[in-house]
PDB file of N, CA and C in Angstrom:
ATOM      1  N   UNK A   1      92.997 117.973 103.671  1.00  0.00           N
ATOM      2  CA  UNK A   1      94.160 117.273 104.159  1.00  0.00           C
ATOM      3  C   UNK A   1      94.064 117.050 105.672  1.00  0.00           C
ATOM      4  N   UNK A   2      93.577 118.050 106.373  1.00  0.00           N
ATOM      5  CA  UNK A   2      93.489 117.926 107.829  1.00  0.00           C
ATOM      6  C   UNK A   2      92.534 116.814 108.239  1.00  0.00           C
ATOM      7  N   UNK A   3      91.438 116.639 107.484  1.00  0.00           N
ATOM      8  CA  UNK A   3      90.489 115.594 107.857  1.00  0.00           C
ATOM      9  C   UNK A   3      91.077 114.200 107.667  1.00  0.00           C
ATOM     10  N   UNK A   4      92.147 114.086 106.884  1.00  0.00           N
ATOM     11  CA  UNK A   4      92.843 112.812 106.698  1.00  0.00           C
ATOM     12  C   UNK A   4      94.074 112.712 107.597  1.00  0.00           C
ATOM     13  N   UNK A   5      94.202 113.645 108.535  1.00  0.00           N
ATOM     14  CA  UNK A   5      95.325 113.671 109.477  1.00  0.00           C
ATOM     15  C   UNK A   5      96.682 113.743 108.789  1.00  0.00           C
ATOM     16  N   UNK A   6      96.754 114.497 107.697  1.00  0.00           N
ATOM     17  CA  UNK A   6      98.016 114.680 106.994  1.00  0.00           C
ATOM     18  C   UNK A   6      98.818 115.750 107.725  1.00  0.00           C
ATOM     19  N   UNK A   7     100.062 115.450 108.005  1.00  0.00           N
ATOM     20  CA  UNK A   7     100.950 116.394 108.681  1.00  0.00           C
ATOM     21  C   UNK A   7     101.483 117.368 107.631  1.00  0.00           C
ATOM     22  N   UNK A   8     100.826 118.512 107.513  1.00  0.00           N
ATOM     23  CA  UNK A   8     101.192 119.494 106.486  1.00  0.00           C
ATOM     24  C   UNK A   8     102.595 120.051 106.707  1.00  0.00           C
ATOM     25  N   UNK A   9     102.975 120.240 107.971  1.00  0.00           N
ATOM     26  CA  UNK A   9     104.316 120.759 108.241  1.00  0.00           C
ATOM     27  C   UNK A   9     105.386 119.777 107.788  1.00  0.00           C
ATOM     28  N   UNK A  10     105.180 118.495 108.080  1.00  0.00           N
ATOM     29  CA  UNK A  10     106.134 117.474 107.644  1.00  0.00           C
ATOM     30  C   UNK A  10     106.167 117.385 106.117  1.00  0.00           C
ATOM     31  N   UNK A  11     105.003 117.424 105.489  1.00  0.00           N
ATOM     32  CA  UNK A  11     104.954 117.393 104.021  1.00  0.00           C
ATOM     33  C   UNK A  11     105.730 118.557 103.426  1.00  0.00           C
ATOM     34  N   UNK A  12     105.541 119.737 103.977  1.00  0.00           N
ATOM     35  CA  UNK A  12     106.252 120.918 103.479  1.00  0.00           C
ATOM     36  C   UNK A  12     107.753 120.791 103.721  1.00  0.00           C
ATOM     37  N   UNK A  13     108.138 120.261 104.882  1.00  0.00           N
ATOM     38  CA  UNK A  13     109.551 120.075 105.195  1.00  0.00           C
ATOM     39  C   UNK A  13     110.215 119.108 104.202  1.00  0.00           C
ATOM     40  N   UNK A  14     109.523 118.014 103.888  1.00  0.00           N
ATOM     41  CA  UNK A  14     110.057 117.047 102.926  1.00  0.00           C
ATOM     42  C   UNK A  14     110.217 117.695 101.556  1.00  0.00           C
ATOM     43  N   UNK A  15     109.197 118.436 101.110  1.00  0.00           N
ATOM     44  CA  UNK A  15     109.291 119.120  99.816  1.00  0.00           C
ATOM     45  C   UNK A  15     110.420 120.148  99.807  1.00  0.00           C
ATOM     46  N   UNK A  16     110.540 120.923 100.873  1.00  0.00           N
ATOM     47  CA  UNK A  16     111.613 121.921 100.954  1.00  0.00           C
ATOM     48  C   UNK A  16     112.981 121.252 100.905  1.00  0.00           C
ATOM     49  N   UNK A  17     113.138 120.163 101.660  1.00  0.00           N
ATOM     50  CA  UNK A  17     114.417 119.445 101.658  1.00  0.00           C
ATOM     51  C   UNK A  17     114.719 118.854 100.284  1.00  0.00           C
ATOM     52  N   UNK A  18     113.702 118.327  99.633  1.00  0.00           N
ATOM     53  CA  UNK A  18     113.890 117.760  98.295  1.00  0.00           C
ATOM     54  C   UNK A  18     114.334 118.853  97.326  1.00  0.00           C
ATOM     55  N   UNK A  19     113.632 119.983  97.353  1.00  0.00           N
ATOM     56  CA  UNK A  19     113.963 121.096  96.456  1.00  0.00           C
ATOM     57  C   UNK A  19     115.324 121.701  96.766  1.00  0.00           C
ATOM     58  N   UNK A  20     115.755 121.613  98.019  1.00  0.00           N
ATOM     59  CA  UNK A  20     117.058 122.163  98.411  1.00  0.00           C
ATOM     60  C   UNK A  20     118.200 121.190  98.111  1.00  0.00           C
ATOM     61  N   UNK A  21     117.870 119.977  97.657  1.00  0.00           N
ATOM     62  CA  UNK A  21     118.908 119.009  97.328  1.00  0.00           C
ATOM     63  C   UNK A  21     119.397 118.195  98.505  1.00  0.00           C
ATOM     64  N   UNK A  22     118.693 118.239  99.613  1.00  0.00           N
ATOM     65  CA  UNK A  22     119.107 117.527 100.824  1.00  0.00           C
ATOM     66  C   UNK A  22     119.253 116.024 100.588  1.00  0.00           C
ATOM     67  N   UNK A  23     118.462 115.476  99.682  1.00  0.00           N
ATOM     68  CA  UNK A  23     118.475 114.030  99.458  1.00  0.00           C
ATOM     69  C   UNK A  23     119.310 113.616  98.247  1.00  0.00           C
ATOM     70  N   UNK A  24     119.991 114.563  97.628  1.00  0.00           N
ATOM     71  CA  UNK A  24     120.726 114.278  96.392  1.00  0.00           C
ATOM     72  C   UNK A  24     121.847 113.259  96.555  1.00  0.00           C
ATOM     73  N   UNK A  25     122.366 113.092  97.757  1.00  0.00           N
ATOM     74  CA  UNK A  25     123.495 112.179  97.943  1.00  0.00           C
ATOM     75  C   UNK A  25     123.069 110.711  98.031  1.00  0.00           C
ATOM     76  N   UNK A  26     121.767 110.439  98.077  1.00  0.00           N
ATOM     77  CA  UNK A  26     121.294 109.054  98.141  1.00  0.00           C
ATOM     78  C   UNK A  26     121.300 108.441  96.740  1.00  0.00           C
ATOM     79  N   UNK A  27     121.835 107.249  96.654  1.00  0.00           N
ATOM     80  CA  UNK A  27     121.830 106.521  95.397  1.00  0.00           C
ATOM     81  C   UNK A  27     120.449 105.891  95.193  1.00  0.00           C
ATOM     82  N   UNK A  28     119.982 105.877  93.947  1.00  0.00           N
ATOM     83  CA  UNK A  28     118.680 105.239  93.708  1.00  0.00           C
ATOM     84  C   UNK A  28     118.764 103.738  93.962  1.00  0.00           C
ATOM     85  N   UNK A  29     117.664 103.178  94.382  1.00  0.00           N
ATOM     86  CA  UNK A  29     117.573 101.735  94.587  1.00  0.00           C
ATOM     87  C   UNK A  29     117.385 101.080  93.224  1.00  0.00           C
ATOM     88  N   UNK A  30     118.172 100.063  92.966  1.00  0.00           N
ATOM     89  CA  UNK A  30     118.080  99.349  91.700  1.00  0.00           C
ATOM     90  C   UNK A  30     117.642  97.907  91.973  1.00  0.00           C
ATOM     91  N   UNK A  31     116.691  97.458  91.192  1.00  0.00           N
ATOM     92  CA  UNK A  31     116.205  96.077  91.352  1.00  0.00           C
ATOM     93  C   UNK A  31     117.302  95.108  90.934  1.00  0.00           C
ATOM     94  N   UNK A  32     117.485  94.074  91.729  1.00  0.00           N
ATOM     95  CA  UNK A  32     118.478  93.059  91.412  1.00  0.00           C
ATOM     96  C   UNK A  32     117.915  91.948  90.553  1.00  0.00           C
ATOM     97  N   UNK A  33     116.612  91.912  90.404  1.00  0.00           N
ATOM     98  CA  UNK A  33     115.972  90.876  89.606  1.00  0.00           C
ATOM     99  C   UNK A  33     114.496  90.811  89.919  1.00  0.00           C
ATOM    100  N   UNK A  34     113.833  89.969  89.223  1.00  0.00           N
ATOM    101  CA  UNK A  34     112.401  89.782  89.429  1.00  0.00           C
ATOM    102  C   UNK A  34     112.212  88.452  90.145  1.00  0.00           C
ATOM    103  N   UNK A  35     111.523  88.458  91.280  1.00  0.00           N
ATOM    104  CA  UNK A  35     111.330  87.196  92.006  1.00  0.00           C
ATOM    105  C   UNK A  35     110.448  86.235  91.207  1.00  0.00           C
ATOM    106  N   UNK A  36     110.676  84.978  91.429  1.00  0.00           N
ATOM    107  CA  UNK A  36     109.892  83.957  90.746  1.00  0.00           C
ATOM    108  C   UNK A  36     108.536  83.748  91.403  1.00  0.00           C
ATOM    109  N   UNK A  37     107.638  83.142  90.669  1.00  0.00           N
ATOM    110  CA  UNK A  37     106.304  82.829  91.184  1.00  0.00           C
ATOM    111  C   UNK A  37     106.419  81.603  92.082  1.00  0.00           C
ATOM    112  N   UNK A  38     106.123  81.788  93.360  1.00  0.00           N
ATOM    113  CA  UNK A  38     106.178  80.672  94.302  1.00  0.00           C
ATOM    114  C   UNK A  38     104.791  80.323  94.852  1.00  0.00           C
ATOM    115  N   UNK A  39     103.783  81.089  94.435  1.00  0.00           N
ATOM    116  CA  UNK A  39     102.400  80.922  94.897  1.00  0.00           C
ATOM    117  C   UNK A  39     102.276  80.972  96.415  1.00  0.00           C
ATOM    118  N   UNK A  40     103.234  81.621  97.046  1.00  0.00           N
ATOM    119  CA  UNK A  40     103.165  81.896  98.480  1.00  0.00           C
ATOM    120  C   UNK A  40     103.219  83.399  98.697  1.00  0.00           C
ATOM    121  N   UNK A  41     104.276  84.033  98.181  1.00  0.00           N
ATOM    122  CA  UNK A  41     104.389  85.483  98.277  1.00  0.00           C
ATOM    123  C   UNK A  41     104.157  86.156  96.928  1.00  0.00           C
ATOM    124  N   UNK A  42     104.429  85.431  95.852  1.00  0.00           N
ATOM    125  CA  UNK A  42     104.162  85.911  94.491  1.00  0.00           C
ATOM    126  C   UNK A  42     103.201  84.909  93.866  1.00  0.00           C
ATOM    127  N   UNK A  43     102.013  85.393  93.503  1.00  0.00           N
ATOM    128  CA  UNK A  43     100.977  84.498  92.987  1.00  0.00           C
ATOM    129  C   UNK A  43     100.904  84.560  91.469  1.00  0.00           C
ATOM    130  N   UNK A  44     100.615  83.413  90.867  1.00  0.00           N
ATOM    131  CA  UNK A  44     100.371  83.324  89.434  1.00  0.00           C
ATOM    132  C   UNK A  44      98.930  83.766  89.193  1.00  0.00           C
ATOM    133  N   UNK A  45      98.750  84.965  88.667  1.00  0.00           N
ATOM    134  CA  UNK A  45      97.406  85.516  88.502  1.00  0.00           C
ATOM    135  C   UNK A  45      96.644  84.876  87.342  1.00  0.00           C
ATOM    136  N   UNK A  46      97.271  83.917  86.644  1.00  0.00           N
ATOM    137  CA  UNK A  46      96.554  83.171  85.618  1.00  0.00           C
ATOM    138  C   UNK A  46      95.782  82.000  86.214  1.00  0.00           C
ATOM    139  N   UNK A  47      96.046  81.693  87.463  1.00  0.00           N
ATOM    140  CA  UNK A  47      95.331  80.601  88.131  1.00  0.00           C
ATOM    141  C   UNK A  47      93.883  81.017  88.389  1.00  0.00           C
ATOM    142  N   UNK A  48      93.002  80.035  88.532  1.00  0.00           N
ATOM    143  CA  UNK A  48      91.594  80.331  88.812  1.00  0.00           C
ATOM    144  C   UNK A  48      91.389  80.806  90.237  1.00  0.00           C
ATOM    145  N   UNK A  49      92.301  80.416  91.114  1.00  0.00           N
ATOM    146  CA  UNK A  49      92.201  80.822  92.508  1.00  0.00           C
ATOM    147  C   UNK A  49      93.230  80.089  93.342  1.00  0.00           C
ATOM    148  N   UNK A  50      93.169  80.334  94.637  1.00  0.00           N
ATOM    149  CA  UNK A  50      94.162  79.782  95.538  1.00  0.00           C
ATOM    150  C   UNK A  50      93.493  79.270  96.799  1.00  0.00           C
ATOM    151  N   UNK A  51      93.967  78.119  97.257  1.00  0.00           N
ATOM    152  CA  UNK A  51      93.539  77.580  98.541  1.00  0.00           C
ATOM    153  C   UNK A  51      94.561  78.031  99.564  1.00  0.00           C
ATOM    154  N   UNK A  52      94.100  78.791 100.534  1.00  0.00           N
ATOM    155  CA  UNK A  52      94.998  79.419 101.510  1.00  0.00           C
ATOM    156  C   UNK A  52      94.644  78.969 102.923  1.00  0.00           C
ATOM    157  N   UNK A  53      95.624  79.058 103.820  1.00  0.00           N
ATOM    158  CA  UNK A  53      95.387  78.740 105.222  1.00  0.00           C
ATOM    159  C   UNK A  53      94.398  79.758 105.786  1.00  0.00           C
ATOM    160  N   UNK A  54      93.216  79.307 106.134  1.00  0.00           N
ATOM    161  CA  UNK A  54      92.122  80.194 106.545  1.00  0.00           C
ATOM    162  C   UNK A  54      92.485  81.027 107.769  1.00  0.00           C
ATOM    163  N   UNK A  55      93.068  80.417 108.769  1.00  0.00           N
ATOM    164  CA  UNK A  55      93.372  81.147 110.002  1.00  0.00           C
ATOM    165  C   UNK A  55      94.348  82.294 109.739  1.00  0.00           C
ATOM    166  N   UNK A  56      95.390  82.033 108.964  1.00  0.00           N
ATOM    167  CA  UNK A  56      96.381  83.069 108.645  1.00  0.00           C
ATOM    168  C   UNK A  56      95.745  84.206 107.864  1.00  0.00           C
ATOM    169  N   UNK A  57      94.981  83.855 106.823  1.00  0.00           N
ATOM    170  CA  UNK A  57      94.357  84.868 105.969  1.00  0.00           C
ATOM    171  C   UNK A  57      93.379  85.725 106.772  1.00  0.00           C
ATOM    172  N   UNK A  58      92.542  85.086 107.583  1.00  0.00           N
ATOM    173  CA  UNK A  58      91.532  85.836 108.334  1.00  0.00           C
ATOM    174  C   UNK A  58      92.153  86.729 109.406  1.00  0.00           C
ATOM    175  N   UNK A  59      93.245  86.283 110.032  1.00  0.00           N
ATOM    176  CA  UNK A  59      93.941  87.134 111.011  1.00  0.00           C
ATOM    177  C   UNK A  59      94.527  88.367 110.333  1.00  0.00           C
ATOM    178  N   UNK A  60      95.150  88.157 109.179  1.00  0.00           N
ATOM    179  CA  UNK A  60      95.734  89.301 108.454  1.00  0.00           C
ATOM    180  C   UNK A  60      94.640  90.236 107.952  1.00  0.00           C
ATOM    181  N   UNK A  61      93.539  89.674 107.514  1.00  0.00           N
ATOM    182  CA  UNK A  61      92.423  90.502 107.048  1.00  0.00           C
ATOM    183  C   UNK A  61      91.882  91.368 108.183  1.00  0.00           C
ATOM    184  N   UNK A  62      91.808  90.788 109.358  1.00  0.00           N
ATOM    185  CA  UNK A  62      91.322  91.527 110.524  1.00  0.00           C
ATOM    186  C   UNK A  62      92.259  92.686 110.859  1.00  0.00           C
ATOM    187  N   UNK A  63      93.556  92.477 110.703  1.00  0.00           N
ATOM    188  CA  UNK A  63      94.555  93.524 110.977  1.00  0.00           C
ATOM    189  C   UNK A  63      94.274  94.779 110.163  1.00  0.00           C
ATOM    190  N   UNK A  64      93.811  94.593 108.913  1.00  0.00           N
ATOM    191  CA  UNK A  64      93.578  95.727 108.026  1.00  0.00           C
ATOM    192  C   UNK A  64      92.101  96.079 107.893  1.00  0.00           C
ATOM    193  N   UNK A  65      91.272  95.512 108.773  1.00  0.00           N
ATOM    194  CA  UNK A  65      89.829  95.789 108.774  1.00  0.00           C
ATOM    195  C   UNK A  65      89.172  95.501 107.430  1.00  0.00           C
ATOM    196  N   UNK A  66      89.641  94.440 106.777  1.00  0.00           N
ATOM    197  CA  UNK A  66      89.005  94.034 105.529  1.00  0.00           C
ATOM    198  C   UNK A  66      87.636  93.458 105.875  1.00  0.00           C
ATOM    199  N   UNK A  67      86.579  93.938 105.240  1.00  0.00           N
ATOM    200  CA  UNK A  67      85.246  93.430 105.547  1.00  0.00           C
ATOM    201  C   UNK A  67      85.170  91.910 105.391  1.00  0.00           C
ATOM    202  N   UNK A  68      84.517  91.263 106.327  1.00  0.00           N
ATOM    203  CA  UNK A  68      84.437  89.799 106.336  1.00  0.00           C
ATOM    204  C   UNK A  68      83.870  89.237 105.033  1.00  0.00           C
ATOM    205  N   UNK A  69      82.884  89.932 104.444  1.00  0.00           N
ATOM    206  CA  UNK A  69      82.286  89.417 103.210  1.00  0.00           C
ATOM    207  C   UNK A  69      83.289  89.385 102.052  1.00  0.00           C
ATOM    208  N   UNK A  70      84.313  90.240 102.108  1.00  0.00           N
ATOM    209  CA  UNK A  70      85.350  90.208 101.074  1.00  0.00           C
ATOM    210  C   UNK A  70      86.214  88.952 101.181  1.00  0.00           C
ATOM    211  N   UNK A  71      86.233  88.347 102.356  1.00  0.00           N
ATOM    212  CA  UNK A  71      87.061  87.163 102.573  1.00  0.00           C
ATOM    213  C   UNK A  71      86.342  85.873 102.184  1.00  0.00           C
ATOM    214  N   UNK A  72      85.164  85.991 101.600  1.00  0.00           N
ATOM    215  CA  UNK A  72      84.406  84.851 101.076  1.00  0.00           C
ATOM    216  C   UNK A  72      84.324  83.688 102.060  1.00  0.00           C
ATOM    217  N   UNK A  73      83.742  83.923 103.241  1.00  0.00           N
ATOM    218  CA  UNK A  73      83.672  82.844 104.234  1.00  0.00           C
ATOM    219  C   UNK A  73      82.940  81.603 103.727  1.00  0.00           C
ATOM    220  N   UNK A  74      82.083  81.780 102.725  1.00  0.00           N
ATOM    221  CA  UNK A  74      81.353  80.623 102.195  1.00  0.00           C
ATOM    222  C   UNK A  74      82.270  79.651 101.442  1.00  0.00           C
ATOM    223  N   UNK A  75      83.483  80.097 101.094  1.00  0.00           N
ATOM    224  CA  UNK A  75      84.417  79.210 100.388  1.00  0.00           C
ATOM    225  C   UNK A  75      85.331  78.462 101.344  1.00  0.00           C
ATOM    226  N   UNK A  76      85.128  78.664 102.641  1.00  0.00           N
ATOM    227  CA  UNK A  76      85.989  77.997 103.628  1.00  0.00           C
ATOM    228  C   UNK A  76      85.596  76.531 103.764  1.00  0.00           C
ATOM    229  N   UNK A  77      86.599  75.697 103.785  1.00  0.00           N
ATOM    230  CA  UNK A  77      86.411  74.262 104.000  1.00  0.00           C
ATOM    231  C   UNK A  77      87.432  73.847 105.050  1.00  0.00           C
ATOM    232  N   UNK A  78      86.965  73.655 106.256  1.00  0.00           N
ATOM    233  CA  UNK A  78      87.823  73.343 107.407  1.00  0.00           C
ATOM    234  C   UNK A  78      88.887  74.426 107.570  1.00  0.00           C
ATOM    235  N   UNK A  79      90.154  74.083 107.360  1.00  0.00           N
ATOM    236  CA  UNK A  79      91.247  75.031 107.598  1.00  0.00           C
ATOM    237  C   UNK A  79      91.677  75.778 106.339  1.00  0.00           C
ATOM    238  N   UNK A  80      90.924  75.615 105.256  1.00  0.00           N
ATOM    239  CA  UNK A  80      91.316  76.189 103.971  1.00  0.00           C
ATOM    240  C   UNK A  80      90.261  77.188 103.495  1.00  0.00           C
ATOM    241  N   UNK A  81      90.750  78.280 102.922  1.00  0.00           N
ATOM    242  CA  UNK A  81      89.884  79.308 102.349  1.00  0.00           C
ATOM    243  C   UNK A  81      90.260  79.440 100.886  1.00  0.00           C
ATOM    244  N   UNK A  82      89.280  79.438  99.995  1.00  0.00           N
ATOM    245  CA  UNK A  82      89.543  79.576  98.569  1.00  0.00           C
ATOM    246  C   UNK A  82      89.222  80.998  98.147  1.00  0.00           C
ATOM    247  N   UNK A  83      90.191  81.668  97.517  1.00  0.00           N
ATOM    248  CA  UNK A  83      89.977  83.013  96.985  1.00  0.00           C
ATOM    249  C   UNK A  83      90.321  83.005  95.503  1.00  0.00           C
ATOM    250  N   UNK A  84      89.466  83.605  94.703  1.00  0.00           N
ATOM    251  CA  UNK A  84      89.688  83.694  93.261  1.00  0.00           C
ATOM    252  C   UNK A  84      90.539  84.925  92.941  1.00  0.00           C
ATOM    253  N   UNK A  85      90.962  85.020  91.693  1.00  0.00           N
ATOM    254  CA  UNK A  85      91.714  86.198  91.246  1.00  0.00           C
ATOM    255  C   UNK A  85      90.866  87.457  91.418  1.00  0.00           C
ATOM    256  N   UNK A  86      89.573  87.352  91.156  1.00  0.00           N
ATOM    257  CA  UNK A  86      88.659  88.489  91.328  1.00  0.00           C
ATOM    258  C   UNK A  86      88.580  88.899  92.795  1.00  0.00           C
ATOM    259  N   UNK A  87      88.523  87.897  93.690  1.00  0.00           N
ATOM    260  CA  UNK A  87      88.496  88.177  95.129  1.00  0.00           C
ATOM    261  C   UNK A  87      89.766  88.936  95.548  1.00  0.00           C
ATOM    262  N   UNK A  88      90.921  88.432  95.097  1.00  0.00           N
ATOM    263  CA  UNK A  88      92.189  89.080  95.469  1.00  0.00           C
ATOM    264  C   UNK A  88      92.289  90.488  94.897  1.00  0.00           C
ATOM    265  N   UNK A  89      91.786  90.684  93.680  1.00  0.00           N
ATOM    266  CA  UNK A  89      91.807  92.026  93.090  1.00  0.00           C
ATOM    267  C   UNK A  89      90.954  92.987  93.917  1.00  0.00           C
ATOM    268  N   UNK A  90      89.794  92.533  94.376  1.00  0.00           N
ATOM    269  CA  UNK A  90      88.927  93.379  95.215  1.00  0.00           C
ATOM    270  C   UNK A  90      89.613  93.733  96.533  1.00  0.00           C
ATOM    271  N   UNK A  91      90.258  92.738  97.136  1.00  0.00           N
ATOM    272  CA  UNK A  91      90.973  92.981  98.389  1.00  0.00           C
ATOM    273  C   UNK A  91      92.122  93.967  98.146  1.00  0.00           C
ATOM    274  N   UNK A  92      92.817  93.802  97.030  1.00  0.00           N
ATOM    275  CA  UNK A  92      93.910  94.716  96.692  1.00  0.00           C
ATOM    276  C   UNK A  92      93.438  96.146  96.520  1.00  0.00           C
ATOM    277  N   UNK A  93      92.303  96.328  95.844  1.00  0.00           N
ATOM    278  CA  UNK A  93      91.758  97.682  95.683  1.00  0.00           C
ATOM    279  C   UNK A  93      91.352  98.277  97.028  1.00  0.00           C
ATOM    280  N   UNK A  94      90.849  97.431  97.925  1.00  0.00           N
ATOM    281  CA  UNK A  94      90.488  97.900  99.264  1.00  0.00           C
ATOM    282  C   UNK A  94      91.743  98.365 100.016  1.00  0.00           C
ATOM    283  N   UNK A  95      92.835  97.610  99.885  1.00  0.00           N
ATOM    284  CA  UNK A  95      94.063  97.914 100.623  1.00  0.00           C
ATOM    285  C   UNK A  95      94.878  99.042 100.008  1.00  0.00           C
ATOM    286  N   UNK A  96      94.703  99.302  98.721  1.00  0.00           N
ATOM    287  CA  UNK A  96      95.549 100.268  98.022  1.00  0.00           C
ATOM    288  C   UNK A  96      95.699 101.603  98.743  1.00  0.00           C
ATOM    289  N   UNK A  97      94.613 102.273  99.115  1.00  0.00           N
ATOM    290  CA  UNK A  97      94.794 103.569  99.775  1.00  0.00           C
ATOM    291  C   UNK A  97      95.393 103.459 101.173  1.00  0.00           C
ATOM    292  N   UNK A  98      95.345 102.278 101.781  1.00  0.00           N
ATOM    293  CA  UNK A  98      95.892 102.099 103.124  1.00  0.00           C
ATOM    294  C   UNK A  98      97.391 101.826 103.106  1.00  0.00           C
ATOM    295  N   UNK A  99      97.857 101.170 102.051  1.00  0.00           N
ATOM    296  CA  UNK A  99      99.237 100.698 102.027  1.00  0.00           C
ATOM    297  C   UNK A  99     100.113 101.379 100.984  1.00  0.00           C
ATOM    298  N   UNK A 100      99.529 102.202 100.128  1.00  0.00           N
ATOM    299  CA  UNK A 100     100.303 102.823  99.062  1.00  0.00           C
ATOM    300  C   UNK A 100     101.059 104.041  99.568  1.00  0.00           C
ATOM    301  N   UNK A 101     102.295 104.177  99.140  1.00  0.00           N
ATOM    302  CA  UNK A 101     103.040 105.365  99.546  1.00  0.00           C
ATOM    303  C   UNK A 101     102.537 106.584  98.780  1.00  0.00           C
ATOM    304  N   UNK A 102     102.633 107.721  99.406  1.00  0.00           N
ATOM    305  CA  UNK A 102     102.303 108.962  98.725  1.00  0.00           C
ATOM    306  C   UNK A 102     103.423 109.313  97.763  1.00  0.00           C
ATOM    307  N   UNK A 103     103.114 110.104  96.763  1.00  0.00           N
ATOM    308  CA  UNK A 103     104.108 110.515  95.787  1.00  0.00           C
ATOM    309  C   UNK A 103     104.295 112.010  95.911  1.00  0.00           C
ATOM    310  N   UNK A 104     105.541 112.426  96.128  1.00  0.00           N
ATOM    311  CA  UNK A 104     105.823 113.853  96.174  1.00  0.00           C
ATOM    312  C   UNK A 104     105.865 114.351  94.739  1.00  0.00           C
ATOM    313  N   UNK A 105     104.847 115.095  94.359  1.00  0.00           N
ATOM    314  CA  UNK A 105     104.792 115.536  92.975  1.00  0.00           C
ATOM    315  C   UNK A 105     104.767 117.058  92.871  1.00  0.00           C
ATOM    316  N   UNK A 106     105.194 117.722  93.901  1.00  0.00           N
ATOM    317  CA  UNK A 106     105.295 119.166  93.852  1.00  0.00           C
ATOM    318  C   UNK A 106     104.024 119.894  94.236  1.00  0.00           C
ATOM    319  N   UNK A 107     102.924 119.209  94.391  1.00  0.00           N
ATOM    320  CA  UNK A 107     101.697 119.904  94.726  1.00  0.00           C
ATOM    321  C   UNK A 107     100.724 119.065  95.523  1.00  0.00           C
ATOM    322  N   UNK A 108     100.813 117.770  95.375  1.00  0.00           N
ATOM    323  CA  UNK A 108      99.881 116.892  96.074  1.00  0.00           C
ATOM    324  C   UNK A 108     100.653 115.754  96.721  1.00  0.00           C
ATOM    325  N   UNK A 109     101.395 116.081  97.744  1.00  0.00           N
ATOM    326  CA  UNK A 109     102.261 115.095  98.378  1.00  0.00           C
ATOM    327  C   UNK A 109     101.485 113.901  98.901  1.00  0.00           C
ATOM    328  N   UNK A 110     100.209 114.065  99.099  1.00  0.00           N
ATOM    329  CA  UNK A 110      99.397 112.962  99.611  1.00  0.00           C
ATOM    330  C   UNK A 110      98.228 112.688  98.670  1.00  0.00           C
ATOM    331  N   UNK A 111      98.466 112.772  97.387  1.00  0.00           N
ATOM    332  CA  UNK A 111      97.379 112.623  96.419  1.00  0.00           C
ATOM    333  C   UNK A 111      96.754 111.239  96.439  1.00  0.00           C
ATOM    334  N   UNK A 112      97.450 110.240  97.004  1.00  0.00           N
ATOM    335  CA  UNK A 112      96.867 108.899  97.051  1.00  0.00           C
ATOM    336  C   UNK A 112      95.609 108.853  97.900  1.00  0.00           C
ATOM    337  N   UNK A 113      95.369 109.857  98.726  1.00  0.00           N
ATOM    338  CA  UNK A 113      94.165 109.896  99.552  1.00  0.00           C
ATOM    339  C   UNK A 113      92.958 110.444  98.799  1.00  0.00           C
ATOM    340  N   UNK A 114      93.195 111.065  97.672  1.00  0.00           N
ATOM    341  CA  UNK A 114      92.143 111.729  96.926  1.00  0.00           C
ATOM    342  C   UNK A 114      91.540 110.752  95.914  1.00  0.00           C
ATOM    343  N   UNK A 115      90.498 110.024  96.341  1.00  0.00           N
ATOM    344  CA  UNK A 115      89.910 108.991  95.476  1.00  0.00           C
ATOM    345  C   UNK A 115      89.340 109.585  94.181  1.00  0.00           C
ATOM    346  N   UNK A 116      88.715 110.757  94.248  1.00  0.00           N
ATOM    347  CA  UNK A 116      88.134 111.353  93.047  1.00  0.00           C
ATOM    348  C   UNK A 116      89.231 111.656  92.030  1.00  0.00           C
ATOM    349  N   UNK A 117      90.322 112.242  92.486  1.00  0.00           N
ATOM    350  CA  UNK A 117      91.439 112.572  91.594  1.00  0.00           C
ATOM    351  C   UNK A 117      92.045 111.293  91.016  1.00  0.00           C
ATOM    352  N   UNK A 118      92.218 110.283  91.859  1.00  0.00           N
ATOM    353  CA  UNK A 118      92.806 109.035  91.392  1.00  0.00           C
ATOM    354  C   UNK A 118      91.893 108.336  90.390  1.00  0.00           C
ATOM    355  N   UNK A 119      90.595 108.365  90.640  1.00  0.00           N
ATOM    356  CA  UNK A 119      89.656 107.725  89.717  1.00  0.00           C
ATOM    357  C   UNK A 119      89.673 108.419  88.356  1.00  0.00           C
ATOM    358  N   UNK A 120      89.905 109.732  88.332  1.00  0.00           N
ATOM    359  CA  UNK A 120      89.953 110.429  87.057  1.00  0.00           C
ATOM    360  C   UNK A 120      91.176 109.985  86.254  1.00  0.00           C
ATOM    361  N   UNK A 121      92.190 109.474  86.938  1.00  0.00           N
ATOM    362  CA  UNK A 121      93.397 108.958  86.281  1.00  0.00           C
ATOM    363  C   UNK A 121      93.159 107.562  85.727  1.00  0.00           C
ATOM    364  N   UNK A 122      92.540 106.691  86.540  1.00  0.00           N
ATOM    365  CA  UNK A 122      92.310 105.301  86.125  1.00  0.00           C
ATOM    366  C   UNK A 122      91.142 104.740  86.920  1.00  0.00           C
ATOM    367  N   UNK A 123      89.972 104.766  86.335  1.00  0.00           N
ATOM    368  CA  UNK A 123      88.741 104.327  87.009  1.00  0.00           C
ATOM    369  C   UNK A 123      88.841 102.884  87.494  1.00  0.00           C
ATOM    370  N   UNK A 124      89.400 101.991  86.670  1.00  0.00           N
ATOM    371  CA  UNK A 124      89.466 100.582  87.042  1.00  0.00           C
ATOM    372  C   UNK A 124      90.395 100.344  88.220  1.00  0.00           C
ATOM    373  N   UNK A 125      91.515 101.047  88.262  1.00  0.00           N
ATOM    374  CA  UNK A 125      92.487 100.843  89.333  1.00  0.00           C
ATOM    375  C   UNK A 125      92.004 101.422  90.644  1.00  0.00           C
ATOM    376  N   UNK A 126      91.362 102.588  90.592  1.00  0.00           N
ATOM    377  CA  UNK A 126      90.957 103.256  91.819  1.00  0.00           C
ATOM    378  C   UNK A 126      89.476 103.103  92.070  1.00  0.00           C
TER     379      UNK A 126
END
């Protein structure tokens, strides 16, 4: 945990507060609905791929240190970058450990960092 810079004291404090009922007064968040597919923020994964604004995509990719080869520079045509569903799935798997919240499960508050453990749960996802 220390090599991943996990704050063990904070993790323990959160678990202690949870077990003590400190958070019991919060109401659960309830979904108001499912957003529609707009192919901007919600993509139709049945499509063969998407033509995206290259400059925007590459700037965002750089923010998260996504390897350039994952961004398929060979598919760029002027200001447009084409990414397939397979390309997006690969990028998503790359981002998963960076953007996924940890789950407090009573023993592994930061289990999302443990790739071996996660792969034993679902090899394809992790």
